[in-house]
């Protein structure tokens, strides 16, 4: 119990709190701006194709994917996947930040919400990073296999090493887990870079003023989920470090 209580107090509770807060921010911000008309009168797939083609990414394919906010770019297959939540057409209106109200109008044309435009443009940003050989994205892809081991197998190696006093085994686990921590921190500039590109893509399309602010809020909220993951991973690494070297005394 001596080792479990510090883990709960120093890692589990802060990490859970950060993750829940970040998830709440994403859901609430997305829900709010998913009701606001972006002014983009295209389907989600046409919009993605338009942005991809504008960046010379004609070889990137587009596919639907189930779920909500599961949009992602897969560099292995050069595929941009759009979630069900960003495919459906919903009633949308113009948001008045002063009155905190929405005014609706429908001319019969398919429209995208501010939130959907921001998310799709963000994934196009990742595709552009991949094409241009962004060094941080390349580094992230390079350490993915080791990071996967670090997040799944490493904790068991560390715990087994501490229990059976096999320091070498614990250190092997710690090295693998360190790769997982590095992965979360390398992810941050990749995600923030894609968000910066996304805003640059949509500004010429009329996403200015309150719409641009809404897109920025959606992307910033999504970014906090990666910050929370990185901080939680770092806290866990520090705990494992103290657990290994504390058991040697």
Protein backbone atom coordinates (compact mmCIF):
# COMPACT_ATOMS: atom_id res chain seq x y z
CA UNK A 1 0.00 0.00 0.00
CA UNK A 2 2.99 2.30 0.60
CA UNK A 3 3.68 2.39 -3.12
CA UNK A 4 0.04 2.53 -4.18
CA UNK A 5 -1.01 5.58 -2.15
CA UNK A 6 1.64 7.92 -3.62
CA UNK A 7 0.67 6.73 -7.10
CA UNK A 8 -3.00 7.52 -6.45
CA UNK A 9 -2.27 10.94 -4.92
CA UNK A 10 0.55 12.11 -7.18
CA UNK A 11 -0.29 10.51 -10.53
CA UNK A 12 -3.72 8.93 -10.82
CA UNK A 13 -5.86 11.72 -9.35
CA UNK A 14 -4.05 14.66 -11.04
CA UNK A 15 -3.90 12.75 -14.34
CA UNK A 16 -7.57 11.83 -14.18
CA UNK A 17 -8.50 15.37 -13.27
CA UNK A 18 -6.53 16.83 -16.17
CA UNK A 19 -7.96 14.32 -18.63
CA UNK A 20 -11.56 14.86 -17.53
CA UNK A 21 -11.16 18.63 -17.67
CA UNK A 22 -9.61 18.49 -21.14
CA UNK A 23 -12.32 16.10 -22.40
CA UNK A 24 -15.04 18.38 -21.01
CA UNK A 25 -13.51 21.41 -22.74
CA UNK A 26 -13.37 19.58 -26.07
CA UNK A 27 -16.96 18.32 -25.86
CA UNK A 28 -18.48 21.59 -24.65
CA UNK A 29 -16.54 23.78 -27.08
CA UNK A 30 -17.22 21.48 -30.02
CA UNK A 31 -20.93 21.26 -29.13
CA UNK A 32 -21.24 25.03 -28.98
CA UNK A 33 -19.53 25.75 -32.29
CA UNK A 34 -21.06 22.76 -34.05
CA UNK A 35 -24.30 24.75 -34.10
CA UNK A 36 -22.78 27.78 -35.81
CA UNK A 37 -22.73 28.16 -39.57
CA UNK A 38 -19.18 28.54 -40.92
CA UNK A 39 -20.36 30.01 -44.19
CA UNK A 40 -18.78 27.07 -46.06
CA UNK A 41 -21.49 25.66 -48.33
CA UNK A 42 -19.96 22.26 -49.05
CA UNK A 43 -20.27 18.76 -47.71
CA UNK A 44 -17.53 17.66 -45.32
CA UNK A 45 -15.97 15.43 -48.00
CA UNK A 46 -16.05 18.14 -50.67
CA UNK A 47 -14.51 20.59 -48.22
CA UNK A 48 -11.73 18.17 -47.30
CA UNK A 49 -11.07 17.47 -50.98
CA UNK A 50 -10.99 21.19 -51.75
CA UNK A 51 -8.43 21.91 -49.02
CA UNK A 52 -6.30 18.89 -49.91
CA UNK A 53 -6.22 19.82 -53.59
CA UNK A 54 -5.37 23.43 -52.72
CA UNK A 55 -2.28 22.15 -50.89
CA UNK A 56 -1.31 19.84 -53.75
CA UNK A 57 -2.34 16.77 -51.77
CA UNK A 58 -4.27 15.12 -54.59
CA UNK A 59 -2.93 11.67 -53.65
CA UNK A 60 -4.56 11.76 -50.20
CA UNK A 61 -7.81 9.80 -50.09
CA UNK A 62 -10.84 10.58 -47.91
CA UNK A 63 -12.89 8.03 -46.00
CA UNK A 64 -15.69 8.12 -43.44
CA UNK A 65 -15.03 6.74 -39.99
CA UNK A 66 -17.58 5.96 -37.27
CA UNK A 67 -17.82 7.80 -33.98
CA UNK A 68 -17.66 11.36 -32.74
CA UNK A 69 -14.46 13.44 -33.04
CA UNK A 70 -12.58 10.43 -34.39
CA UNK A 71 -11.31 12.43 -37.38
CA UNK A 72 -7.66 11.71 -38.15
CA UNK A 73 -5.03 11.57 -40.87
CA UNK A 74 -3.29 8.22 -41.40
CA UNK A 75 0.19 8.83 -42.86
CA UNK A 76 0.70 5.12 -43.57
CA UNK A 77 -2.09 4.98 -46.15
CA UNK A 78 -2.29 8.73 -46.88
CA UNK A 79 -5.92 8.75 -45.84
CA UNK A 80 -7.93 11.49 -44.16
CA UNK A 81 -10.83 10.03 -42.21
CA UNK A 82 -13.86 12.12 -41.29
CA UNK A 83 -15.99 11.14 -38.30
CA UNK A 84 -19.74 10.67 -38.39
CA UNK A 85 -20.19 13.73 -36.19
CA UNK A 86 -18.68 15.92 -38.90
CA UNK A 87 -20.56 14.29 -41.78
CA UNK A 88 -24.14 15.01 -40.77
CA UNK A 89 -25.96 18.19 -41.73
CA UNK A 90 -27.50 20.05 -38.79
CA UNK A 91 -29.47 23.30 -38.39
CA UNK A 92 -26.91 26.03 -37.86
CA UNK A 93 -27.03 29.74 -37.36
CA UNK A 94 -24.99 32.86 -36.83
CA UNK A 95 -23.69 33.26 -33.29
CA UNK A 96 -24.00 36.66 -31.63
CA UNK A 97 -21.31 36.79 -28.92
CA UNK A 98 -22.88 39.86 -27.30
CA UNK A 99 -26.36 38.41 -26.93
CA UNK A 100 -25.10 34.81 -26.66
CA UNK A 101 -27.80 33.76 -29.14
CA UNK A 102 -28.09 32.06 -32.52
CA UNK A 103 -30.11 33.32 -35.47
CA UNK A 104 -31.07 30.65 -38.01
CA UNK A 105 -31.62 30.77 -41.72
CA UNK A 106 -31.72 27.97 -44.30
CA UNK A 107 -31.36 28.52 -48.01
CA UNK A 108 -31.44 24.78 -48.72
CA UNK A 109 -27.69 24.45 -49.28
CA UNK A 110 -25.59 22.01 -47.34
CA UNK A 111 -23.42 23.81 -44.81
CA UNK A 112 -20.61 22.98 -42.43
CA UNK A 113 -20.40 24.14 -38.85
CA UNK A 114 -17.47 26.17 -37.53
CA UNK A 115 -16.42 23.16 -35.46
CA UNK A 116 -16.49 20.76 -38.43
CA UNK A 117 -14.47 23.15 -40.59
CA UNK A 118 -11.84 23.56 -37.85
CA UNK A 119 -11.47 19.82 -37.26
CA UNK A 120 -11.27 18.87 -40.95
CA UNK A 121 -8.81 21.68 -41.72
CA UNK A 122 -6.67 20.51 -38.79
CA UNK A 123 -6.40 17.02 -40.31
CA UNK A 124 -5.52 18.52 -43.69
CA UNK A 125 -2.76 20.32 -41.79
CA UNK A 126 -1.40 16.94 -40.71
CA UNK A 127 -1.47 15.72 -44.29
CA UNK A 128 0.51 18.80 -45.34
CA UNK A 129 3.02 18.20 -42.54
CA UNK A 130 3.49 14.65 -43.79
CA UNK A 131 3.99 15.72 -47.41
CA UNK A 132 6.48 18.43 -46.47
CA UNK A 133 8.50 16.11 -44.24
CA UNK A 134 7.87 18.00 -41.01
CA UNK A 135 10.77 16.83 -38.75
CA UNK A 136 8.66 16.63 -35.59
CA UNK A 137 6.00 14.57 -37.32
CA UNK A 138 8.72 12.33 -38.77
CA UNK A 139 10.21 11.88 -35.30
CA UNK A 140 6.80 11.02 -33.90
CA UNK A 141 6.27 8.37 -36.55
CA UNK A 142 9.75 6.98 -35.91
CA UNK A 143 9.17 6.39 -32.20
CA UNK A 144 5.62 5.06 -32.51
CA UNK A 145 6.61 1.34 -32.25
CA UNK A 146 8.76 1.90 -29.15
CA UNK A 147 6.15 4.23 -27.64
CA UNK A 148 3.47 1.55 -28.09
CA UNK A 149 5.62 -0.88 -26.12
CA UNK A 150 6.28 1.84 -23.57
CA UNK A 151 2.61 2.49 -22.92
CA UNK A 152 1.55 -1.17 -22.77
CA UNK A 153 4.41 -3.45 -21.69
CA UNK A 154 6.76 -1.10 -19.82
CA UNK A 155 4.64 -0.67 -16.64
CA UNK A 156 4.57 -4.46 -16.17
CA UNK A 157 8.34 -4.70 -16.63
CA UNK A 158 8.87 -1.94 -14.07
CA UNK A 159 6.51 -3.45 -11.51
CA UNK A 160 7.93 -6.96 -11.98
CA UNK A 161 11.47 -5.62 -11.64
CA UNK A 162 10.63 -3.80 -8.41
CA UNK A 163 8.75 -6.79 -6.93
CA UNK A 164 11.50 -9.30 -7.68
CA UNK A 165 14.36 -6.81 -7.14
CA UNK A 166 15.49 -7.10 -10.75
CA UNK A 167 16.70 -3.55 -11.26
CA UNK A 168 17.87 -4.25 -14.80
CA UNK A 169 14.38 -5.35 -15.82
CA UNK A 170 12.88 -2.22 -14.26
CA UNK A 171 15.34 0.00 -16.10
CA UNK A 172 14.50 -1.65 -19.43
CA UNK A 173 10.85 -0.89 -18.72
CA UNK A 174 11.72 2.67 -17.75
CA UNK A 175 13.57 3.24 -21.03
CA UNK A 176 10.58 2.01 -23.02
CA UNK A 177 8.23 4.15 -20.96
CA UNK A 178 10.50 7.15 -21.52
CA UNK A 179 9.91 6.70 -25.25
CA UNK A 180 6.16 6.91 -24.60
CA UNK A 181 6.70 10.13 -22.65
CA UNK A 182 8.83 11.61 -25.43
CA UNK A 183 6.09 10.67 -27.89
CA UNK A 184 3.48 12.69 -25.98
CA UNK A 185 5.72 15.77 -25.89
CA UNK A 186 6.76 15.49 -29.55
CA UNK A 187 3.05 15.29 -30.37
CA UNK A 188 2.44 18.78 -28.95
CA UNK A 189 4.24 20.85 -31.63
CA UNK A 190 2.82 18.55 -34.32
CA UNK A 191 -0.74 19.21 -33.15
CA UNK A 192 -0.23 22.93 -32.58
CA UNK A 193 1.43 23.22 -35.98
CA UNK A 194 -1.54 21.53 -37.69
CA UNK A 195 -3.93 23.90 -35.90
CA UNK A 196 -1.94 26.93 -37.09
CA UNK A 197 -2.11 25.63 -40.65
CA UNK A 198 -5.86 24.99 -40.29
CA UNK A 199 -6.57 28.61 -39.35
CA UNK A 200 -4.46 29.81 -42.30
CA UNK A 201 -6.45 27.54 -44.66
CA UNK A 202 -9.92 28.72 -43.60
CA UNK A 203 -9.32 32.46 -43.12
CA UNK A 204 -9.48 33.22 -46.88
CA UNK A 205 -12.79 31.32 -47.01
CA UNK A 206 -14.61 33.84 -44.85
CA UNK A 207 -13.74 32.34 -41.48
CA UNK A 208 -13.03 35.68 -39.82
CA UNK A 209 -14.30 37.49 -36.74
CA UNK A 210 -16.50 35.35 -34.51
CA UNK A 211 -16.16 32.35 -36.81
CA UNK A 212 -12.36 32.47 -36.66
CA UNK A 213 -12.58 32.87 -32.89
CA UNK A 214 -14.82 29.82 -32.70
CA UNK A 215 -12.46 27.74 -34.83
CA UNK A 216 -9.56 28.85 -32.64
CA UNK A 217 -11.46 27.84 -29.51
CA UNK A 218 -12.22 24.38 -30.92
CA UNK A 219 -8.60 23.79 -31.88
CA UNK A 220 -7.26 25.14 -28.60
CA UNK A 221 -9.60 22.89 -26.61
CA UNK A 222 -8.46 19.86 -28.62
CA UNK A 223 -4.85 20.83 -27.98
CA UNK A 224 -5.39 20.69 -24.24
CA UNK A 225 -6.12 16.95 -24.47
CA UNK A 226 -2.57 16.44 -25.73
CA UNK A 227 -1.15 18.69 -23.03
CA UNK A 228 -3.02 16.67 -20.39
CA UNK A 229 -1.70 13.41 -21.84
CA UNK A 230 1.89 14.70 -21.84
CA UNK A 231 1.72 15.95 -18.25
CA UNK A 232 0.14 12.70 -17.05
CA UNK A 233 2.84 10.67 -18.80
CA UNK A 234 5.56 12.82 -17.22
CA UNK A 235 4.05 12.44 -13.73
CA UNK A 236 3.89 8.67 -14.24
CA UNK A 237 7.53 8.57 -15.38
CA UNK A 238 8.66 10.51 -12.30
CA UNK A 239 6.70 8.11 -10.09
CA UNK A 240 8.27 5.06 -11.76
CA UNK A 241 11.69 6.65 -11.36
CA UNK A 242 11.19 7.14 -7.63
CA UNK A 243 9.71 3.65 -7.30
CA UNK A 244 12.72 1.96 -8.94
CA UNK A 245 15.45 3.88 -7.16
CA UNK A 246 13.52 4.10 -3.90
CA UNK A 247 13.28 0.30 -3.78
CA UNK A 248 17.06 0.01 -4.03
CA UNK A 249 17.62 1.81 -0.76
